Amino acid sequence: MFLFRAVLPLVVSLSLLACATPLRAAPSLSLNSQRPPQQVADCLQQGLQKLHIPDDFVERRDERDGSRSLALRNPVSDASGTRVDILPQGEGSLLEVRLNGMPLSPAWKKQIHGCARK
């Protein structure tokens, strides 16, 4: 009984912490690229422009560790769509695509694969 009383507050605290800390969703697609993150991100951003996605619907982040991310975001509703995280991996990159409940259009899929390969 003593052990139960001593451990219960710890279990409750950890449970609340786990609920308060959002978990990062697993990527829906992972690709390796021989290109550095900067080149991949630039290629994806240019591709989005060719797909006539307005700049205010594209959120780009360039981090100090060399990683990059591009996300489709509705500026009115602030709803997030597909996001591509581009992580340094040796001389190249690892692309992690997160769909956030949105389908991956054939054009966007082609663009992501093309930028990873170039």
PDB file of N, CA and C in Angstrom:
ATOM      1  N   MET A   1       0.821  -1.190   0.000  1.00  0.00           N
ATOM      2  CA  MET A   1       0.000   0.000   0.000  1.00  0.00           C
ATOM      3  C   MET A   1       0.864   1.253   0.000  1.00  0.00           C
ATOM      4  N   PHE A   2       1.962   1.210   0.781  1.00  0.00           N
ATOM      5  CA  PHE A   2       2.845   2.369   0.836  1.00  0.00           C
ATOM      6  C   PHE A   2       3.438   2.655  -0.552  1.00  0.00           C
ATOM      7  N   LEU A   3       3.875   1.589  -1.243  1.00  0.00           N
ATOM      8  CA  LEU A   3       4.453   1.755  -2.571  1.00  0.00           C
ATOM      9  C   LEU A   3       3.451   2.381  -3.530  1.00  0.00           C
ATOM     10  N   PHE A   4       2.206   1.956  -3.464  1.00  0.00           N
ATOM     11  CA  PHE A   4       1.167   2.505  -4.322  1.00  0.00           C
ATOM     12  C   PHE A   4       1.013   4.008  -4.074  1.00  0.00           C
ATOM     13  N   ARG A   5       0.978   4.421  -2.808  1.00  0.00           N
ATOM     14  CA  ARG A   5       0.825   5.844  -2.483  1.00  0.00           C
ATOM     15  C   ARG A   5       2.043   6.660  -2.908  1.00  0.00           C
ATOM     16  N   ALA A   6       3.205   6.066  -2.863  1.00  0.00           N
ATOM     17  CA  ALA A   6       4.427   6.775  -3.236  1.00  0.00           C
ATOM     18  C   ALA A   6       4.561   6.891  -4.751  1.00  0.00           C
ATOM     19  N   VAL A   7       4.136   5.879  -5.486  1.00  0.00           N
ATOM     20  CA  VAL A   7       4.310   5.843  -6.941  1.00  0.00           C
ATOM     21  C   VAL A   7       3.171   6.531  -7.671  1.00  0.00           C
ATOM     22  N   LEU A   8       1.966   6.522  -7.144  1.00  0.00           N
ATOM     23  CA  LEU A   8       0.810   7.087  -7.827  1.00  0.00           C
ATOM     24  C   LEU A   8       1.004   8.545  -8.232  1.00  0.00           C
ATOM     25  N   PRO A   9       1.488   9.447  -7.373  1.00  0.00           N
ATOM     26  CA  PRO A   9       1.690  10.833  -7.817  1.00  0.00           C
ATOM     27  C   PRO A   9       2.673  10.941  -8.977  1.00  0.00           C
ATOM     28  N   LEU A  10       3.708  10.110  -8.981  1.00  0.00           N
ATOM     29  CA  LEU A  10       4.675  10.128 -10.063  1.00  0.00           C
ATOM     30  C   LEU A  10       4.029   9.680 -11.371  1.00  0.00           C
ATOM     31  N   VAL A  11       3.238   8.624 -11.320  1.00  0.00           N
ATOM     32  CA  VAL A  11       2.551   8.122 -12.510  1.00  0.00           C
ATOM     33  C   VAL A  11       1.588   9.175 -13.055  1.00  0.00           C
ATOM     34  N   VAL A  12       0.833   9.815 -12.179  1.00  0.00           N
ATOM     35  CA  VAL A  12      -0.112  10.853 -12.606  1.00  0.00           C
ATOM     36  C   VAL A  12       0.643  12.017 -13.221  1.00  0.00           C
ATOM     37  N   SER A  13       1.742  12.447 -12.622  1.00  0.00           N
ATOM     38  CA  SER A  13       2.534  13.558 -13.150  1.00  0.00           C
ATOM     39  C   SER A  13       3.092  13.237 -14.526  1.00  0.00           C
ATOM     40  N   LEU A  14       3.636  12.037 -14.694  1.00  0.00           N
ATOM     41  CA  LEU A  14       4.174  11.646 -15.996  1.00  0.00           C
ATOM     42  C   LEU A  14       3.072  11.541 -17.042  1.00  0.00           C
ATOM     43  N   SER A  15       1.903  11.068 -16.650  1.00  0.00           N
ATOM     44  CA  SER A  15       0.778  10.969 -17.577  1.00  0.00           C
ATOM     45  C   SER A  15       0.341  12.347 -18.042  1.00  0.00           C
ATOM     46  N   LEU A  16       0.263  13.296 -17.133  1.00  0.00           N
ATOM     47  CA  LEU A  16      -0.116  14.662 -17.503  1.00  0.00           C
ATOM     48  C   LEU A  16       0.928  15.300 -18.401  1.00  0.00           C
ATOM     49  N   LEU A  17       2.207  15.059 -18.121  1.00  0.00           N
ATOM     50  CA  LEU A  17       3.274  15.592 -18.945  1.00  0.00           C
ATOM     51  C   LEU A  17       3.191  15.011 -20.353  1.00  0.00           C
ATOM     52  N   ALA A  18       2.929  13.721 -20.456  1.00  0.00           N
ATOM     53  CA  ALA A  18       2.824  13.076 -21.769  1.00  0.00           C
ATOM     54  C   ALA A  18       1.658  13.645 -22.559  1.00  0.00           C
ATOM     55  N   CYS A  19       0.560  13.958 -21.903  1.00  0.00           N
ATOM     56  CA  CYS A  19      -0.599  14.526 -22.592  1.00  0.00           C
ATOM     57  C   CYS A  19      -0.335  15.961 -23.017  1.00  0.00           C
ATOM     58  N   ALA A  20       0.452  16.691 -22.246  1.00  0.00           N
ATOM     59  CA  ALA A  20       0.703  18.097 -22.536  1.00  0.00           C
ATOM     60  C   ALA A  20       1.762  18.270 -23.616  1.00  0.00           C
ATOM     61  N   THR A  21       2.605  17.263 -23.824  1.00  0.00           N
ATOM     62  CA  THR A  21       3.669  17.350 -24.802  1.00  0.00           C
ATOM     63  C   THR A  21       3.224  16.652 -26.078  1.00  0.00           C
ATOM     64  N   PRO A  22       2.983  17.417 -27.162  1.00  0.00           N
ATOM     65  CA  PRO A  22       2.542  16.764 -28.391  1.00  0.00           C
ATOM     66  C   PRO A  22       3.656  15.916 -28.986  1.00  0.00           C
ATOM     67  N   LEU A  23       3.299  14.749 -29.461  1.00  0.00           N
ATOM     68  CA  LEU A  23       4.257  13.871 -30.090  1.00  0.00           C
ATOM     69  C   LEU A  23       4.357  14.230 -31.567  1.00  0.00           C
ATOM     70  N   ARG A  24       5.545  14.161 -32.097  1.00  0.00           N
ATOM     71  CA  ARG A  24       5.755  14.454 -33.504  1.00  0.00           C
ATOM     72  C   ARG A  24       5.295  13.246 -34.308  1.00  0.00           C
ATOM     73  N   ALA A  25       4.408  13.473 -35.240  1.00  0.00           N
ATOM     74  CA  ALA A  25       3.862  12.378 -36.033  1.00  0.00           C
ATOM     75  C   ALA A  25       4.968  11.748 -36.877  1.00  0.00           C
ATOM     76  N   ALA A  26       4.885  10.453 -37.029  1.00  0.00           N
ATOM     77  CA  ALA A  26       5.856   9.740 -37.856  1.00  0.00           C
ATOM     78  C   ALA A  26       5.703  10.187 -39.304  1.00  0.00           C
ATOM     79  N   PRO A  27       6.813  10.256 -40.025  1.00  0.00           N
ATOM     80  CA  PRO A  27       6.706  10.673 -41.426  1.00  0.00           C
ATOM     81  C   PRO A  27       5.925   9.657 -42.242  1.00  0.00           C
ATOM     82  N   SER A  28       5.173  10.162 -43.214  1.00  0.00           N
ATOM     83  CA  SER A  28       4.423   9.295 -44.112  1.00  0.00           C
ATOM     84  C   SER A  28       5.324   8.753 -45.215  1.00  0.00           C
ATOM     85  N   LEU A  29       6.410   9.483 -45.469  1.00  0.00           N
ATOM     86  CA  LEU A  29       7.333   9.115 -46.530  1.00  0.00           C
ATOM     87  C   LEU A  29       8.708   9.617 -46.135  1.00  0.00           C
ATOM     88  N   SER A  30       9.728   8.794 -46.276  1.00  0.00           N
ATOM     89  CA  SER A  30      11.108   9.195 -46.022  1.00  0.00           C
ATOM     90  C   SER A  30      11.929   8.893 -47.259  1.00  0.00           C
ATOM     91  N   LEU A  31      12.749   9.858 -47.664  1.00  0.00           N
ATOM     92  CA  LEU A  31      13.601   9.696 -48.839  1.00  0.00           C
ATOM     93  C   LEU A  31      15.013  10.158 -48.514  1.00  0.00           C
ATOM     94  N   ASN A  32      15.992   9.480 -49.070  1.00  0.00           N
ATOM     95  CA  ASN A  32      17.378   9.923 -48.971  1.00  0.00           C
ATOM     96  C   ASN A  32      17.728  10.697 -50.228  1.00  0.00           C
ATOM     97  N   SER A  33      18.564  11.707 -50.058  1.00  0.00           N
ATOM     98  CA  SER A  33      19.016  12.498 -51.195  1.00  0.00           C
ATOM     99  C   SER A  33      20.509  12.730 -51.074  1.00  0.00           C
ATOM    100  N   GLN A  34      21.193  12.777 -52.197  1.00  0.00           N
ATOM    101  CA  GLN A  34      22.616  13.089 -52.199  1.00  0.00           C
ATOM    102  C   GLN A  34      22.839  14.600 -52.167  1.00  0.00           C
ATOM    103  N   ARG A  35      21.763  15.374 -52.296  1.00  0.00           N
ATOM    104  CA  ARG A  35      21.862  16.834 -52.308  1.00  0.00           C
ATOM    105  C   ARG A  35      21.781  17.384 -50.889  1.00  0.00           C
ATOM    106  N   PRO A  36      22.496  18.488 -50.596  1.00  0.00           N
ATOM    107  CA  PRO A  36      22.400  19.099 -49.262  1.00  0.00           C
ATOM    108  C   PRO A  36      21.016  19.723 -49.037  1.00  0.00           C
ATOM    109  N   PRO A  37      20.622  19.891 -47.774  1.00  0.00           N
ATOM    110  CA  PRO A  37      19.286  20.425 -47.458  1.00  0.00           C
ATOM    111  C   PRO A  37      18.944  21.748 -48.148  1.00  0.00           C
ATOM    112  N   GLN A  38      19.905  22.651 -48.245  1.00  0.00           N
ATOM    113  CA  GLN A  38      19.643  23.957 -48.871  1.00  0.00           C
ATOM    114  C   GLN A  38      19.189  23.778 -50.318  1.00  0.00           C
ATOM    115  N   GLN A  39      19.862  22.926 -51.077  1.00  0.00           N
ATOM    116  CA  GLN A  39      19.514  22.710 -52.483  1.00  0.00           C
ATOM    117  C   GLN A  39      18.149  22.051 -52.622  1.00  0.00           C
ATOM    118  N   VAL A  40      17.875  21.090 -51.758  1.00  0.00           N
ATOM    119  CA  VAL A  40      16.578  20.410 -51.813  1.00  0.00           C
ATOM    120  C   VAL A  40      15.457  21.401 -51.490  1.00  0.00           C
ATOM    121  N   ALA A  41      15.648  22.204 -50.453  1.00  0.00           N
ATOM    122  CA  ALA A  41      14.622  23.180 -50.062  1.00  0.00           C
ATOM    123  C   ALA A  41      14.387  24.209 -51.160  1.00  0.00           C
ATOM    124  N   ASP A  42      15.471  24.687 -51.774  1.00  0.00           N
ATOM    125  CA  ASP A  42      15.325  25.647 -52.875  1.00  0.00           C
ATOM    126  C   ASP A  42      14.565  25.031 -54.039  1.00  0.00           C
ATOM    127  N   CYS A  43      14.888  23.788 -54.371  1.00  0.00           N
ATOM    128  CA  CYS A  43      14.214  23.078 -55.459  1.00  0.00           C
ATOM    129  C   CYS A  43      12.720  22.934 -55.163  1.00  0.00           C
ATOM    130  N   LEU A  44      12.385  22.540 -53.921  1.00  0.00           N
ATOM    131  CA  LEU A  44      10.974  22.381 -53.557  1.00  0.00           C
ATOM    132  C   LEU A  44      10.232  23.708 -53.613  1.00  0.00           C
ATOM    133  N   GLN A  45      10.872  24.771 -53.137  1.00  0.00           N
ATOM    134  CA  GLN A  45      10.220  26.073 -53.149  1.00  0.00           C
ATOM    135  C   GLN A  45       9.985  26.547 -54.581  1.00  0.00           C
ATOM    136  N   GLN A  46      10.939  26.346 -55.458  1.00  0.00           N
ATOM    137  CA  GLN A  46      10.766  26.704 -56.868  1.00  0.00           C
ATOM    138  C   GLN A  46       9.655  25.863 -57.504  1.00  0.00           C
ATOM    139  N   GLY A  47       9.599  24.595 -57.132  1.00  0.00           N
ATOM    140  CA  GLY A  47       8.553  23.716 -57.651  1.00  0.00           C
ATOM    141  C   GLY A  47       7.170  24.164 -57.224  1.00  0.00           C
ATOM    142  N   LEU A  48       7.044  24.617 -55.980  1.00  0.00           N
ATOM    143  CA  LEU A  48       5.750  25.119 -55.498  1.00  0.00           C
ATOM    144  C   LEU A  48       5.339  26.366 -56.262  1.00  0.00           C
ATOM    145  N   GLN A  49       6.306  27.197 -56.604  1.00  0.00           N
ATOM    146  CA  GLN A  49       5.999  28.386 -57.406  1.00  0.00           C
ATOM    147  C   GLN A  49       5.514  27.982 -58.799  1.00  0.00           C
ATOM    148  N   LYS A  50       6.139  26.950 -59.373  1.00  0.00           N
ATOM    149  CA  LYS A  50       5.709  26.453 -60.685  1.00  0.00           C
ATOM    150  C   LYS A  50       4.311  25.847 -60.619  1.00  0.00           C
ATOM    151  N   LEU A  51       3.935  25.316 -59.441  1.00  0.00           N
ATOM    152  CA  LEU A  51       2.590  24.764 -59.255  1.00  0.00           C
ATOM    153  C   LEU A  51       1.583  25.872 -58.924  1.00  0.00           C
ATOM    154  N   HIS A  52       2.043  27.118 -58.955  1.00  0.00           N
ATOM    155  CA  HIS A  52       1.204  28.309 -58.701  1.00  0.00           C
ATOM    156  C   HIS A  52       0.643  28.340 -57.281  1.00  0.00           C
ATOM    157  N   ILE A  53       1.439  27.847 -56.325  1.00  0.00           N
ATOM    158  CA  ILE A  53       1.071  27.954 -54.912  1.00  0.00           C
ATOM    159  C   ILE A  53       1.530  29.342 -54.450  1.00  0.00           C
ATOM    160  N   PRO A  54       0.628  30.189 -53.987  1.00  0.00           N
ATOM    161  CA  PRO A  54       1.034  31.536 -53.543  1.00  0.00           C
ATOM    162  C   PRO A  54       2.053  31.469 -52.402  1.00  0.00           C
ATOM    163  N   ASP A  55       2.983  32.419 -52.395  1.00  0.00           N
ATOM    164  CA  ASP A  55       4.046  32.441 -51.386  1.00  0.00           C
ATOM    165  C   ASP A  55       3.508  32.469 -49.963  1.00  0.00           C
ATOM    166  N   ASP A  56       2.367  33.119 -49.741  1.00  0.00           N
ATOM    167  CA  ASP A  56       1.847  33.191 -48.376  1.00  0.00           C
ATOM    168  C   ASP A  56       1.232  31.867 -47.913  1.00  0.00           C
ATOM    169  N   PHE A  57       1.160  30.872 -48.783  1.00  0.00           N
ATOM    170  CA  PHE A  57       0.696  29.534 -48.405  1.00  0.00           C
ATOM    171  C   PHE A  57       1.870  28.590 -48.131  1.00  0.00           C
ATOM    172  N   VAL A  58       3.089  29.093 -48.299  1.00  0.00           N
ATOM    173  CA  VAL A  58       4.291  28.284 -48.094  1.00  0.00           C
ATOM    174  C   VAL A  58       5.059  28.847 -46.904  1.00  0.00           C
ATOM    175  N   GLU A  59       5.293  27.995 -45.934  1.00  0.00           N
ATOM    176  CA  GLU A  59       6.066  28.393 -44.761  1.00  0.00           C
ATOM    177  C   GLU A  59       7.403  27.669 -44.815  1.00  0.00           C
ATOM    178  N   ARG A  60       8.479  28.437 -44.867  1.00  0.00           N
ATOM    179  CA  ARG A  60       9.811  27.840 -44.943  1.00  0.00           C
ATOM    180  C   ARG A  60      10.588  28.204 -43.681  1.00  0.00           C
ATOM    181  N   ARG A  61      11.313  27.224 -43.182  1.00  0.00           N
ATOM    182  CA  ARG A  61      12.179  27.451 -42.016  1.00  0.00           C
ATOM    183  C   ARG A  61      13.570  26.926 -42.331  1.00  0.00           C
ATOM    184  N   ASP A  62      14.560  27.769 -42.075  1.00  0.00           N
ATOM    185  CA  ASP A  62      15.958  27.393 -42.218  1.00  0.00           C
ATOM    186  C   ASP A  62      16.568  27.426 -40.823  1.00  0.00           C
ATOM    187  N   GLU A  63      16.989  26.276 -40.332  1.00  0.00           N
ATOM    188  CA  GLU A  63      17.496  26.171 -38.966  1.00  0.00           C
ATOM    189  C   GLU A  63      19.029  26.257 -38.937  1.00  0.00           C
ATOM    190  N   ARG A  64      19.571  26.610 -37.796  1.00  0.00           N
ATOM    191  CA  ARG A  64      21.022  26.757 -37.625  1.00  0.00           C
ATOM    192  C   ARG A  64      21.772  25.437 -37.804  1.00  0.00           C
ATOM    193  N   ASP A  65      21.098  24.328 -37.518  1.00  0.00           N
ATOM    194  CA  ASP A  65      21.768  23.028 -37.645  1.00  0.00           C
ATOM    195  C   ASP A  65      21.858  22.553 -39.091  1.00  0.00           C
ATOM    196  N   GLY A  66      21.380  23.378 -40.027  1.00  0.00           N
ATOM    197  CA  GLY A  66      21.434  23.022 -41.441  1.00  0.00           C
ATOM    198  C   GLY A  66      20.160  22.397 -41.964  1.00  0.00           C
ATOM    199  N   SER A  67      19.228  22.081 -41.083  1.00  0.00           N
ATOM    200  CA  SER A  67      17.973  21.489 -41.534  1.00  0.00           C
ATOM    201  C   SER A  67      17.063  22.573 -42.109  1.00  0.00           C
ATOM    202  N   ARG A  68      16.170  22.150 -42.945  1.00  0.00           N
ATOM    203  CA  ARG A  68      15.204  23.045 -43.577  1.00  0.00           C
ATOM    204  C   ARG A  68      13.839  22.380 -43.495  1.00  0.00           C
ATOM    205  N   SER A  69      12.786  23.173 -43.587  1.00  0.00           N
ATOM    206  CA  SER A  69      11.448  22.601 -43.707  1.00  0.00           C
ATOM    207  C   SER A  69      10.589  23.531 -44.544  1.00  0.00           C
ATOM    208  N   LEU A  70       9.719  22.918 -45.317  1.00  0.00           N
ATOM    209  CA  LEU A  70       8.716  23.644 -46.091  1.00  0.00           C
ATOM    210  C   LEU A  70       7.378  23.034 -45.752  1.00  0.00           C
ATOM    211  N   ALA A  71       6.416  23.892 -45.480  1.00  0.00           N
ATOM    212  CA  ALA A  71       5.083  23.414 -45.137  1.00  0.00           C
ATOM    213  C   ALA A  71       4.050  24.215 -45.908  1.00  0.00           C
ATOM    214  N   LEU A  72       2.985  23.539 -46.289  1.00  0.00           N
ATOM    215  CA  LEU A  72       1.842  24.217 -46.873  1.00  0.00           C
ATOM    216  C   LEU A  72       0.920  24.601 -45.730  1.00  0.00           C
ATOM    217  N   ARG A  73       0.579  25.886 -45.664  1.00  0.00           N
ATOM    218  CA  ARG A  73      -0.239  26.386 -44.556  1.00  0.00           C
ATOM    219  C   ARG A  73      -1.219  27.409 -45.099  1.00  0.00           C
ATOM    220  N   ASN A  74      -2.478  27.259 -44.720  1.00  0.00           N
ATOM    221  CA  ASN A  74      -3.502  28.217 -45.116  1.00  0.00           C
ATOM    222  C   ASN A  74      -3.366  29.434 -44.201  1.00  0.00           C
ATOM    223  N   PRO A  75      -3.015  30.607 -44.737  1.00  0.00           N
ATOM    224  CA  PRO A  75      -2.795  31.777 -43.884  1.00  0.00           C
ATOM    225  C   PRO A  75      -4.081  32.304 -43.239  1.00  0.00           C
ATOM    226  N   VAL A  76      -5.219  31.974 -43.790  1.00  0.00           N
ATOM    227  CA  VAL A  76      -6.486  32.448 -43.230  1.00  0.00           C
ATOM    228  C   VAL A  76      -6.908  31.587 -42.044  1.00  0.00           C
ATOM    229  N   SER A  77      -6.929  30.266 -42.244  1.00  0.00           N
ATOM    230  CA  SER A  77      -7.369  29.360 -41.182  1.00  0.00           C
ATOM    231  C   SER A  77      -6.216  28.869 -40.307  1.00  0.00           C
ATOM    232  N   ASP A  78      -4.978  29.091 -40.754  1.00  0.00           N
ATOM    233  CA  ASP A  78      -3.774  28.619 -40.085  1.00  0.00           C
ATOM    234  C   ASP A  78      -3.698  27.088 -40.036  1.00  0.00           C
ATOM    235  N   ALA A  79      -4.451  26.421 -40.912  1.00  0.00           N
ATOM    236  CA  ALA A  79      -4.416  24.960 -40.989  1.00  0.00           C
ATOM    237  C   ALA A  79      -3.166  24.532 -41.750  1.00  0.00           C
ATOM    238  N   SER A  80      -2.477  23.541 -41.216  1.00  0.00           N
ATOM    239  CA  SER A  80      -1.264  23.040 -41.850  1.00  0.00           C
ATOM    240  C   SER A  80      -1.573  21.834 -42.702  1.00  0.00           C
ATOM    241  N   GLY A  81      -0.933  21.792 -43.838  1.00  0.00           N
ATOM    242  CA  GLY A  81      -1.055  20.647 -44.730  1.00  0.00           C
ATOM    243  C   GLY A  81       0.256  19.895 -44.754  1.00  0.00           C
ATOM    244  N   THR A  82       0.658  19.473 -45.902  1.00  0.00           N
ATOM    245  CA  THR A  82       1.877  18.694 -46.069  1.00  0.00           C
ATOM    246  C   THR A  82       3.102  19.498 -45.635  1.00  0.00           C
ATOM    247  N   ARG A  83       4.016  18.810 -44.946  1.00  0.00           N
ATOM    248  CA  ARG A  83       5.274  19.435 -44.528  1.00  0.00           C
ATOM    249  C   ARG A  83       6.417  18.503 -44.902  1.00  0.00           C
ATOM    250  N   VAL A  84       7.487  19.081 -45.427  1.00  0.00           N
ATOM    251  CA  VAL A  84       8.684  18.320 -45.753  1.00  0.00           C
ATOM    252  C   VAL A  84       9.815  18.837 -44.873  1.00  0.00           C
ATOM    253  N   ASP A  85      10.328  17.973 -44.011  1.00  0.00           N
ATOM    254  CA  ASP A  85      11.501  18.292 -43.204  1.00  0.00           C
ATOM    255  C   ASP A  85      12.708  17.737 -43.939  1.00  0.00           C
ATOM    256  N   ILE A  86      13.732  18.574 -44.104  1.00  0.00           N
ATOM    257  CA  ILE A  86      14.930  18.182 -44.837  1.00  0.00           C
ATOM    258  C   ILE A  86      16.092  18.243 -43.849  1.00  0.00           C
ATOM    259  N   LEU A  87      16.564  17.094 -43.462  1.00  0.00           N
ATOM    260  CA  LEU A  87      17.569  16.984 -42.413  1.00  0.00           C
ATOM    261  C   LEU A  87      18.935  16.658 -42.995  1.00  0.00           C
ATOM    262  N   PRO A  88      19.995  17.286 -42.480  1.00  0.00           N
ATOM    263  CA  PRO A  88      21.342  16.943 -42.957  1.00  0.00           C
ATOM    264  C   PRO A  88      21.650  15.478 -42.653  1.00  0.00           C
ATOM    265  N   GLN A  89      22.259  14.835 -43.614  1.00  0.00           N
ATOM    266  CA  GLN A  89      22.646  13.426 -43.444  1.00  0.00           C
ATOM    267  C   GLN A  89      23.936  13.228 -44.224  1.00  0.00           C
ATOM    268  N   GLY A  90      25.074  13.371 -43.533  1.00  0.00           N
ATOM    269  CA  GLY A  90      26.362  13.300 -44.214  1.00  0.00           C
ATOM    270  C   GLY A  90      26.472  14.441 -45.209  1.00  0.00           C
ATOM    271  N   GLU A  91      26.833  14.118 -46.438  1.00  0.00           N
ATOM    272  CA  GLU A  91      26.922  15.126 -47.504  1.00  0.00           C
ATOM    273  C   GLU A  91      25.558  15.426 -48.126  1.00  0.00           C
ATOM    274  N   GLY A  92      24.578  14.593 -47.825  1.00  0.00           N
ATOM    275  CA  GLY A  92      23.255  14.723 -48.428  1.00  0.00           C
ATOM    276  C   GLY A  92      22.184  15.097 -47.424  1.00  0.00           C
ATOM    277  N   SER A  93      20.982  14.553 -47.639  1.00  0.00           N
ATOM    278  CA  SER A  93      19.822  14.901 -46.831  1.00  0.00           C
ATOM    279  C   SER A  93      18.910  13.708 -46.627  1.00  0.00           C
ATOM    280  N   LEU A  94      18.101  13.825 -45.605  1.00  0.00           N
ATOM    281  CA  LEU A  94      16.992  12.912 -45.379  1.00  0.00           C
ATOM    282  C   LEU A  94      15.727  13.756 -45.441  1.00  0.00           C
ATOM    283  N   LEU A  95      14.817  13.412 -46.328  1.00  0.00           N
ATOM    284  CA  LEU A  95      13.545  14.121 -46.445  1.00  0.00           C
ATOM    285  C   LEU A  95      12.481  13.324 -45.722  1.00  0.00           C
ATOM    286  N   GLU A  96      11.774  13.973 -44.822  1.00  0.00           N
ATOM    287  CA  GLU A  96      10.661  13.356 -44.104  1.00  0.00           C
ATOM    288  C   GLU A  96       9.400  14.125 -44.457  1.00  0.00           C
ATOM    289  N   VAL A  97       8.465  13.442 -45.094  1.00  0.00           N
ATOM    290  CA  VAL A  97       7.221  14.069 -45.539  1.00  0.00           C
ATOM    291  C   VAL A  97       6.123  13.727 -44.547  1.00  0.00           C
ATOM    292  N   ARG A  98       5.479  14.751 -44.021  1.00  0.00           N
ATOM    293  CA  ARG A  98       4.374  14.584 -43.069  1.00  0.00           C
ATOM    294  C   ARG A  98       3.123  15.167 -43.723  1.00  0.00           C
ATOM    295  N   LEU A  99       2.096  14.336 -43.846  1.00  0.00           N
ATOM    296  CA  LEU A  99       0.893  14.732 -44.586  1.00  0.00           C
ATOM    297  C   LEU A  99      -0.131  15.490 -43.746  1.00  0.00           C
ATOM    298  N   ASN A 100      -0.109  15.347 -42.442  1.00  0.00           N
ATOM    299  CA  ASN A 100      -1.063  16.035 -41.563  1.00  0.00           C
ATOM    300  C   ASN A 100      -2.514  15.833 -42.007  1.00  0.00           C
ATOM    301  N   GLY A 101      -2.817  14.608 -42.408  1.00  0.00           N
ATOM    302  CA  GLY A 101      -4.190  14.272 -42.785  1.00  0.00           C
ATOM    303  C   GLY A 101      -4.577  14.655 -44.202  1.00  0.00           C
ATOM    304  N   MET A 102      -3.655  15.238 -44.940  1.00  0.00           N
ATOM    305  CA  MET A 102      -3.947  15.660 -46.311  1.00  0.00           C
ATOM    306  C   MET A 102      -3.414  14.617 -47.288  1.00  0.00           C
ATOM    307  N   PRO A 103      -4.080  14.420 -48.425  1.00  0.00           N
ATOM    308  CA  PRO A 103      -3.527  13.507 -49.430  1.00  0.00           C
ATOM    309  C   PRO A 103      -2.345  14.173 -50.141  1.00  0.00           C
ATOM    310  N   LEU A 104      -1.413  13.371 -50.597  1.00  0.00           N
ATOM    311  CA  LEU A 104      -0.270  13.872 -51.348  1.00  0.00           C
ATOM    312  C   LEU A 104      -0.628  13.845 -52.823  1.00  0.00           C
ATOM    313  N   SER A 105      -0.754  15.023 -53.416  1.00  0.00           N
ATOM    314  CA  SER A 105      -1.149  15.098 -54.819  1.00  0.00           C
ATOM    315  C   SER A 105      -0.043  14.521 -55.700  1.00  0.00           C
ATOM    316  N   PRO A 106      -0.404  13.998 -56.871  1.00  0.00           N
ATOM    317  CA  PRO A 106       0.620  13.462 -57.780  1.00  0.00           C
ATOM    318  C   PRO A 106       1.676  14.511 -58.155  1.00  0.00           C
ATOM    319  N   ALA A 107       1.258  15.757 -58.359  1.00  0.00           N
ATOM    320  CA  ALA A 107       2.217  16.808 -58.733  1.00  0.00           C
ATOM    321  C   ALA A 107       3.203  17.089 -57.605  1.00  0.00           C
ATOM    322  N   TRP A 108       2.711  17.147 -56.382  1.00  0.00           N
ATOM    323  CA  TRP A 108       3.559  17.420 -55.224  1.00  0.00           C
ATOM    324  C   TRP A 108       4.483  16.235 -54.983  1.00  0.00           C
ATOM    325  N   LYS A 109       3.969  15.015 -55.128  1.00  0.00           N
ATOM    326  CA  LYS A 109       4.781  13.813 -54.959  1.00  0.00           C
ATOM    327  C   LYS A 109       5.912  13.784 -55.996  1.00  0.00           C
ATOM    328  N   LYS A 110       5.574  14.111 -57.232  1.00  0.00           N
ATOM    329  CA  LYS A 110       6.577  14.151 -58.309  1.00  0.00           C
ATOM    330  C   LYS A 110       7.645  15.193 -58.002  1.00  0.00           C
ATOM    331  N   GLN A 111       7.232  16.347 -57.495  1.00  0.00           N
ATOM    332  CA  GLN A 111       8.170  17.413 -57.153  1.00  0.00           C
ATOM    333  C   GLN A 111       9.124  16.979 -56.040  1.00  0.00           C
ATOM    334  N   ILE A 112       8.590  16.358 -54.998  1.00  0.00           N
ATOM    335  CA  ILE A 112       9.425  15.910 -53.871  1.00  0.00           C
ATOM    336  C   ILE A 112      10.442  14.874 -54.342  1.00  0.00           C
ATOM    337  N   HIS A 113       9.983  13.883 -55.103  1.00  0.00           N
ATOM    338  CA  HIS A 113      10.901  12.857 -55.600  1.00  0.00           C
ATOM    339  C   HIS A 113      11.938  13.462 -56.554  1.00  0.00           C
ATOM    340  N   GLY A 114      11.515  14.376 -57.405  1.00  0.00           N
ATOM    341  CA  GLY A 114      12.434  15.020 -58.350  1.00  0.00           C
ATOM    342  C   GLY A 114      13.510  15.819 -57.636  1.00  0.00           C
ATOM    343  N   CYS A 115      13.138  16.575 -56.621  1.00  0.00           N
ATOM    344  CA  CYS A 115      14.116  17.378 -55.884  1.00  0.00           C
ATOM    345  C   CYS A 115      15.075  16.510 -55.085  1.00  0.00           C
ATOM    346  N   ALA A 116      14.622  15.367 -54.636  1.00  0.00           N
ATOM    347  CA  ALA A 116      15.493  14.450 -53.894  1.00  0.00           C
ATOM    348  C   ALA A 116      16.523  13.820 -54.813  1.00  0.00           C
ATOM    349  N   ARG A 117      16.149  13.585 -56.076  1.00  0.00           N
ATOM    350  CA  ARG A 117      17.028  12.890 -57.029  1.00  0.00           C
ATOM    351  C   ARG A 117      18.032  13.811 -57.717  1.00  0.00           C
ATOM    352  N   LYS A 118      17.679  15.034 -58.006  1.00  0.00           N
ATOM    353  CA  LYS A 118      18.525  15.906 -58.838  1.00  0.00           C
ATOM    354  C   LYS A 118      19.938  16.029 -58.326  1.00  0.00           C
TER     355      LYS A 118
END
